[in-house]
Structure formats: C-alpha cells, structure tokens
Amino acid sequence: MTTDDTHPDDADLSTQVGQRLRAIRHARHLSLDDVEKSSSGRWTAATLQAYEQGTRNLSLTQLHAMASFYGMSTADLLGEPPLPESPGPARIMINLQALPADPDAEPMLRFLRSILAQRGDHGGQVLSLRDDDLRAMSALLKVTEHHALHLLRTWGALIEEADPGPTSS
C-alpha cells in the first residue's frame, strides 16, 4: 500500500484544466500579465503559467476563484458536461424599466435595447427574450445563461410566468 494520494489521472486532469485556462485567456485576448493585473495580483503570471502548463495543481478554492474570474462554472473548467438545470421560466419576459441605472446592468440594457430596435419596438418597456437572445446576451456578458437569468431576477427585471400550455378551442 502506498501513501501517495495522487491518482494516475491527476496529471492528465491538471494538464487538461491548464489547457482550458489558456484557451479561455487567449480567447479573451489576455496576457498572463493582464490576468495578474485584472485579478489585483491574486495570481502571479508565473503561477498562472504553471496552472496552464499543468505543472501546478489548482486547489478547489483556486479553481472556484478562477472560474468566477472568467465568469464560468468549475464544471466548465474541469471539462464536465453541465448538470441538467432546472428549467428556466417558460417565457422569458423582461421589464426594462426595472433594470437599475447601474454600471453592471448597462451592457445588458444596451443589448436588450438593441433587440427592441431590431424588432422595431422603439417604445417597448417589456421584452420577450428568445433562447438565441439569451445565449447571445450571455456570451456578450461572459456569463452562463443561468447567471444572466439570476442577474435579471436579482434586479427584479425578470417577469416569470407559468407556462400556460396549449390552449383549447
């Protein structure tokens, strides 16, 4: 019996997570120094490089922090398929007037107003969001769809209705 707690696949997992971290960083056009600066020095460029090369393992705390920093789930970084989420609202309706005059809400509000303009609804205060709109908005904000809905709920802008189901004549 060995006292070594490592599993033969641990090195492979560290390498795979590192490759994902590097791909995410590159997709966002960030250098190692950029991440160090925008994380307020939480991770040094040398530490980030070691994570990306798989020569240093991320603790659970660091994995969670890194996922949050990049606006993704730890499952995404681990390469796990997403767990089935509870279904969102049957119809996604947004009260645009409820969005706060807050710098955090501004990119979302600009995107939602562009949808209204594209649909020719220039005076609209309520927007019915389509699945493709939600995916595009989430990608733009660099968050998951679930997190985008959470933000809308937190701001009181999500109007949740029960699915009326098929209507009978």
C-alpha atoms as a PDB file:
ATOM      1  CA  MET A   1       0.000   0.000   0.000  1.00  0.00           C
ATOM      2  CA  THR A   2       1.269   3.428  -0.877  1.00  0.00           C
ATOM      3  CA  THR A   3       0.840   6.721   0.937  1.00  0.00           C
ATOM      4  CA  ASP A   4       0.772   8.569  -2.357  1.00  0.00           C
ATOM      5  CA  ASP A   5      -2.637  10.248  -2.649  1.00  0.00           C
ATOM      6  CA  THR A   6      -2.306  11.011  -6.343  1.00  0.00           C
ATOM      7  CA  HIS A   7      -4.370   9.177  -8.865  1.00  0.00           C
ATOM      8  CA  PRO A   8      -2.772   8.223 -12.197  1.00  0.00           C
ATOM      9  CA  ASP A   9      -5.158  10.597 -13.996  1.00  0.00           C
ATOM     10  CA  ASP A  10      -4.350  13.612 -11.754  1.00  0.00           C
ATOM     11  CA  ALA A  11      -1.558  14.864 -14.025  1.00  0.00           C
ATOM     12  CA  ASP A  12      -3.798  14.483 -17.068  1.00  0.00           C
ATOM     13  CA  LEU A  13      -6.575  16.434 -15.347  1.00  0.00           C
ATOM     14  CA  SER A  14      -4.194  19.237 -14.372  1.00  0.00           C
ATOM     15  CA  THR A  15      -2.948  19.420 -17.951  1.00  0.00           C
ATOM     16  CA  GLN A  16      -6.488  19.452 -19.358  1.00  0.00           C
ATOM     17  CA  VAL A  17      -7.640  22.168 -16.945  1.00  0.00           C
ATOM     18  CA  GLY A  18      -4.497  24.137 -17.762  1.00  0.00           C
ATOM     19  CA  GLN A  19      -5.195  23.862 -21.476  1.00  0.00           C
ATOM     20  CA  ARG A  20      -8.746  25.126 -20.906  1.00  0.00           C
ATOM     21  CA  LEU A  21      -7.481  28.034 -18.803  1.00  0.00           C
ATOM     22  CA  ARG A  22      -5.026  29.008 -21.504  1.00  0.00           C
ATOM     23  CA  ALA A  23      -7.634  28.728 -24.263  1.00  0.00           C
ATOM     24  CA  ILE A  24     -10.038  30.919 -22.269  1.00  0.00           C
ATOM     25  CA  ARG A  25      -7.342  33.500 -21.607  1.00  0.00           C
ATOM     26  CA  HIS A  26      -6.324  33.559 -25.272  1.00  0.00           C
ATOM     27  CA  ALA A  27      -9.955  33.788 -26.415  1.00  0.00           C
ATOM     28  CA  ARG A  28     -10.254  36.925 -24.310  1.00  0.00           C
ATOM     29  CA  HIS A  29      -7.017  38.316 -25.722  1.00  0.00           C
ATOM     30  CA  LEU A  30      -5.398  38.485 -22.286  1.00  0.00           C
ATOM     31  CA  SER A  31      -1.730  38.013 -21.490  1.00  0.00           C
ATOM     32  CA  LEU A  32      -0.572  36.386 -18.260  1.00  0.00           C
ATOM     33  CA  ASP A  33       0.319  39.877 -17.023  1.00  0.00           C
ATOM     34  CA  ASP A  34      -3.160  41.149 -17.939  1.00  0.00           C
ATOM     35  CA  VAL A  35      -4.767  38.455 -15.777  1.00  0.00           C
ATOM     36  CA  GLU A  36      -2.378  39.189 -12.921  1.00  0.00           C
ATOM     37  CA  LYS A  37      -3.293  42.883 -13.078  1.00  0.00           C
ATOM     38  CA  SER A  38      -7.043  42.442 -13.500  1.00  0.00           C
ATOM     39  CA  SER A  39      -7.124  39.915 -10.651  1.00  0.00           C
ATOM     40  CA  SER A  40      -5.408  42.525  -8.450  1.00  0.00           C
ATOM     41  CA  GLY A  41      -2.446  40.202  -8.070  1.00  0.00           C
ATOM     42  CA  ARG A  42      -4.460  37.233  -6.810  1.00  0.00           C
ATOM     43  CA  TRP A  43      -2.463  35.116  -9.243  1.00  0.00           C
ATOM     44  CA  THR A  44       1.020  35.985 -10.442  1.00  0.00           C
ATOM     45  CA  ALA A  45       1.914  35.474 -14.081  1.00  0.00           C
ATOM     46  CA  ALA A  46       4.294  32.661 -13.033  1.00  0.00           C
ATOM     47  CA  THR A  47       1.556  30.885 -11.048  1.00  0.00           C
ATOM     48  CA  LEU A  48      -0.906  31.237 -13.930  1.00  0.00           C
ATOM     49  CA  GLN A  49       1.664  29.808 -16.306  1.00  0.00           C
ATOM     50  CA  ALA A  50       2.231  26.825 -14.002  1.00  0.00           C
ATOM     51  CA  TYR A  51      -1.546  26.208 -13.824  1.00  0.00           C
ATOM     52  CA  GLU A  52      -1.806  26.444 -17.603  1.00  0.00           C
ATOM     53  CA  GLN A  53       1.093  24.056 -18.141  1.00  0.00           C
ATOM     54  CA  GLY A  54      -0.367  21.586 -15.664  1.00  0.00           C
ATOM     55  CA  THR A  55       2.767  21.670 -13.511  1.00  0.00           C
ATOM     56  CA  ARG A  56       0.869  23.081 -10.549  1.00  0.00           C
ATOM     57  CA  ASN A  57      -2.487  21.853  -9.284  1.00  0.00           C
ATOM     58  CA  LEU A  58      -5.321  24.228  -8.526  1.00  0.00           C
ATOM     59  CA  SER A  59      -6.878  23.846  -5.092  1.00  0.00           C
ATOM     60  CA  LEU A  60     -10.672  23.730  -5.019  1.00  0.00           C
ATOM     61  CA  THR A  61     -10.681  27.279  -3.695  1.00  0.00           C
ATOM     62  CA  GLN A  62      -8.431  28.493  -6.517  1.00  0.00           C
ATOM     63  CA  LEU A  63     -10.403  26.516  -9.122  1.00  0.00           C
ATOM     64  CA  HIS A  64     -13.623  28.167  -7.938  1.00  0.00           C
ATOM     65  CA  ALA A  65     -11.986  31.615  -7.872  1.00  0.00           C
ATOM     66  CA  MET A  66     -10.533  31.125 -11.351  1.00  0.00           C
ATOM     67  CA  ALA A  67     -13.920  30.011 -12.702  1.00  0.00           C
ATOM     68  CA  SER A  68     -15.564  33.075 -11.140  1.00  0.00           C
ATOM     69  CA  PHE A  69     -12.861  35.338 -12.537  1.00  0.00           C
ATOM     70  CA  TYR A  70     -13.593  34.058 -16.055  1.00  0.00           C
ATOM     71  CA  GLY A  71     -17.379  34.016 -15.488  1.00  0.00           C
ATOM     72  CA  MET A  72     -17.799  30.279 -15.881  1.00  0.00           C
ATOM     73  CA  SER A  73     -18.575  27.259 -13.767  1.00  0.00           C
ATOM     74  CA  THR A  74     -15.999  24.969 -12.202  1.00  0.00           C
ATOM     75  CA  ALA A  75     -17.590  22.162 -14.228  1.00  0.00           C
ATOM     76  CA  ASP A  76     -16.682  24.068 -17.406  1.00  0.00           C
ATOM     77  CA  LEU A  77     -13.051  24.328 -16.307  1.00  0.00           C
ATOM     78  CA  LEU A  78     -12.994  20.649 -15.386  1.00  0.00           C
ATOM     79  CA  GLY A  79     -14.483  19.724 -18.766  1.00  0.00           C
ATOM     80  CA  GLU A  80     -17.511  18.127 -17.181  1.00  0.00           C
ATOM     81  CA  PRO A  81     -20.809  18.076 -19.014  1.00  0.00           C
ATOM     82  CA  PRO A  82     -23.191  20.549 -17.397  1.00  0.00           C
ATOM     83  CA  LEU A  83     -25.687  19.183 -14.936  1.00  0.00           C
ATOM     84  CA  PRO A  84     -29.236  19.456 -16.112  1.00  0.00           C
ATOM     85  CA  GLU A  85     -30.518  22.709 -14.727  1.00  0.00           C
ATOM     86  CA  SER A  86     -33.996  23.204 -13.503  1.00  0.00           C
ATOM     87  CA  PRO A  87     -35.968  24.638 -16.343  1.00  0.00           C
ATOM     88  CA  GLY A  88     -35.992  28.388 -16.522  1.00  0.00           C
ATOM     89  CA  PRO A  89     -39.135  30.356 -16.884  1.00  0.00           C
ATOM     90  CA  ALA A  90     -41.421  29.071 -19.625  1.00  0.00           C
ATOM     91  CA  ARG A  91     -41.318  32.508 -21.217  1.00  0.00           C
ATOM     92  CA  ILE A  92     -38.541  34.940 -20.509  1.00  0.00           C
ATOM     93  CA  MET A  93     -40.109  38.370 -20.133  1.00  0.00           C
ATOM     94  CA  ILE A  94     -38.000  41.329 -19.050  1.00  0.00           C
ATOM     95  CA  ASN A  95     -39.231  44.582 -17.576  1.00  0.00           C
ATOM     96  CA  LEU A  96     -36.666  47.010 -18.962  1.00  0.00           C
ATOM     97  CA  GLN A  97     -37.778  49.744 -16.562  1.00  0.00           C
ATOM     98  CA  ALA A  98     -36.739  47.556 -13.607  1.00  0.00           C
ATOM     99  CA  LEU A  99     -33.101  47.345 -14.702  1.00  0.00           C
ATOM    100  CA  PRO A 100     -31.069  49.535 -12.392  1.00  0.00           C
ATOM    101  CA  ALA A 101     -29.122  52.575 -13.508  1.00  0.00           C
ATOM    102  CA  ASP A 102     -26.002  50.686 -12.540  1.00  0.00           C
ATOM    103  CA  PRO A 103     -22.768  50.219 -14.497  1.00  0.00           C
ATOM    104  CA  ASP A 104     -23.118  46.440 -14.027  1.00  0.00           C
ATOM    105  CA  ALA A 105     -26.527  46.457 -15.742  1.00  0.00           C
ATOM    106  CA  GLU A 106     -25.586  48.863 -18.549  1.00  0.00           C
ATOM    107  CA  PRO A 107     -24.155  46.286 -21.044  1.00  0.00           C
ATOM    108  CA  MET A 108     -27.232  44.092 -20.596  1.00  0.00           C
ATOM    109  CA  LEU A 109     -29.587  47.057 -21.021  1.00  0.00           C
ATOM    110  CA  ARG A 110     -27.778  48.195 -24.193  1.00  0.00           C
ATOM    111  CA  PHE A 111     -28.071  44.676 -25.624  1.00  0.00           C
ATOM    112  CA  LEU A 112     -31.763  44.412 -24.749  1.00  0.00           C
ATOM    113  CA  ARG A 113     -32.486  47.839 -26.273  1.00  0.00           C
ATOM    114  CA  SER A 114     -30.724  46.731 -29.463  1.00  0.00           C
ATOM    115  CA  ILE A 115     -33.133  43.774 -29.642  1.00  0.00           C
ATOM    116  CA  LEU A 116     -36.075  46.156 -29.297  1.00  0.00           C
ATOM    117  CA  ALA A 117     -34.669  48.352 -32.065  1.00  0.00           C
ATOM    118  CA  GLN A 118     -34.076  45.347 -34.316  1.00  0.00           C
ATOM    119  CA  ARG A 119     -37.686  44.246 -33.780  1.00  0.00           C
ATOM    120  CA  GLY A 120     -38.925  47.771 -34.477  1.00  0.00           C
ATOM    121  CA  ASP A 121     -40.388  48.188 -30.987  1.00  0.00           C
ATOM    122  CA  HIS A 122     -38.925  51.570 -30.068  1.00  0.00           C
ATOM    123  CA  GLY A 123     -41.235  52.323 -27.145  1.00  0.00           C
ATOM    124  CA  GLY A 124     -41.183  48.881 -25.573  1.00  0.00           C
ATOM    125  CA  GLN A 125     -40.839  48.573 -21.842  1.00  0.00           C
ATOM    126  CA  VAL A 126     -41.256  44.796 -21.710  1.00  0.00           C
ATOM    127  CA  LEU A 127     -39.255  42.449 -23.899  1.00  0.00           C
ATOM    128  CA  SER A 128     -39.897  38.798 -24.634  1.00  0.00           C
ATOM    129  CA  LEU A 129     -36.446  37.225 -24.788  1.00  0.00           C
ATOM    130  CA  ARG A 130     -35.886  34.327 -27.184  1.00  0.00           C
ATOM    131  CA  ASP A 131     -33.468  31.465 -26.481  1.00  0.00           C
ATOM    132  CA  ASP A 132     -30.994  32.778 -29.068  1.00  0.00           C
ATOM    133  CA  ASP A 133     -31.175  36.240 -27.473  1.00  0.00           C
ATOM    134  CA  LEU A 134     -30.371  34.756 -24.062  1.00  0.00           C
ATOM    135  CA  ARG A 135     -27.409  32.807 -25.465  1.00  0.00           C
ATOM    136  CA  ALA A 136     -26.045  35.860 -27.269  1.00  0.00           C
ATOM    137  CA  MET A 137     -26.503  38.099 -24.224  1.00  0.00           C
ATOM    138  CA  SER A 138     -24.767  35.556 -22.003  1.00  0.00           C
ATOM    139  CA  ALA A 139     -21.839  35.290 -24.390  1.00  0.00           C
ATOM    140  CA  LEU A 140     -21.575  39.065 -24.614  1.00  0.00           C
ATOM    141  CA  LEU A 141     -21.549  39.406 -20.832  1.00  0.00           C
ATOM    142  CA  LYS A 142     -19.220  36.397 -20.465  1.00  0.00           C
ATOM    143  CA  VAL A 143     -21.582  34.629 -18.060  1.00  0.00           C
ATOM    144  CA  THR A 144     -23.661  31.473 -18.236  1.00  0.00           C
ATOM    145  CA  GLU A 145     -27.314  31.688 -19.256  1.00  0.00           C
ATOM    146  CA  HIS A 146     -28.233  30.623 -15.738  1.00  0.00           C
ATOM    147  CA  HIS A 147     -26.189  33.504 -14.288  1.00  0.00           C
ATOM    148  CA  ALA A 148     -27.744  36.021 -16.712  1.00  0.00           C
ATOM    149  CA  LEU A 149     -31.218  34.945 -15.542  1.00  0.00           C
ATOM    150  CA  HIS A 150     -30.023  35.178 -11.936  1.00  0.00           C
ATOM    151  CA  LEU A 151     -28.897  38.778 -12.528  1.00  0.00           C
ATOM    152  CA  LEU A 152     -32.257  39.669 -14.061  1.00  0.00           C
ATOM    153  CA  ARG A 153     -34.046  38.087 -11.074  1.00  0.00           C
ATOM    154  CA  THR A 154     -31.792  39.918  -8.611  1.00  0.00           C
ATOM    155  CA  TRP A 155     -32.552  43.241 -10.296  1.00  0.00           C
ATOM    156  CA  GLY A 156     -36.299  42.483 -10.282  1.00  0.00           C
ATOM    157  CA  ALA A 157     -36.422  42.713 -14.075  1.00  0.00           C
ATOM    158  CA  LEU A 158     -37.400  39.107 -14.809  1.00  0.00           C
ATOM    159  CA  ILE A 159     -41.139  38.617 -15.156  1.00  0.00           C
ATOM    160  CA  GLU A 160     -41.768  34.953 -14.511  1.00  0.00           C
ATOM    161  CA  GLU A 161     -44.992  33.451 -15.763  1.00  0.00           C
ATOM    162  CA  ALA A 162     -46.233  29.919 -15.554  1.00  0.00           C
ATOM    163  CA  ASP A 163     -46.356  28.219 -18.919  1.00  0.00           C
ATOM    164  CA  PRO A 164     -49.983  28.410 -19.963  1.00  0.00           C
ATOM    165  CA  GLY A 165     -49.568  25.262 -22.023  1.00  0.00           C
ATOM    166  CA  PRO A 166     -51.596  24.560 -25.123  1.00  0.00           C
ATOM    167  CA  THR A 167     -54.865  26.402 -25.336  1.00  0.00           C
ATOM    168  CA  SER A 168     -58.023  24.576 -26.199  1.00  0.00           C
ATOM    169  CA  SER A 169     -60.585  25.962 -28.600  1.00  0.00           C
END
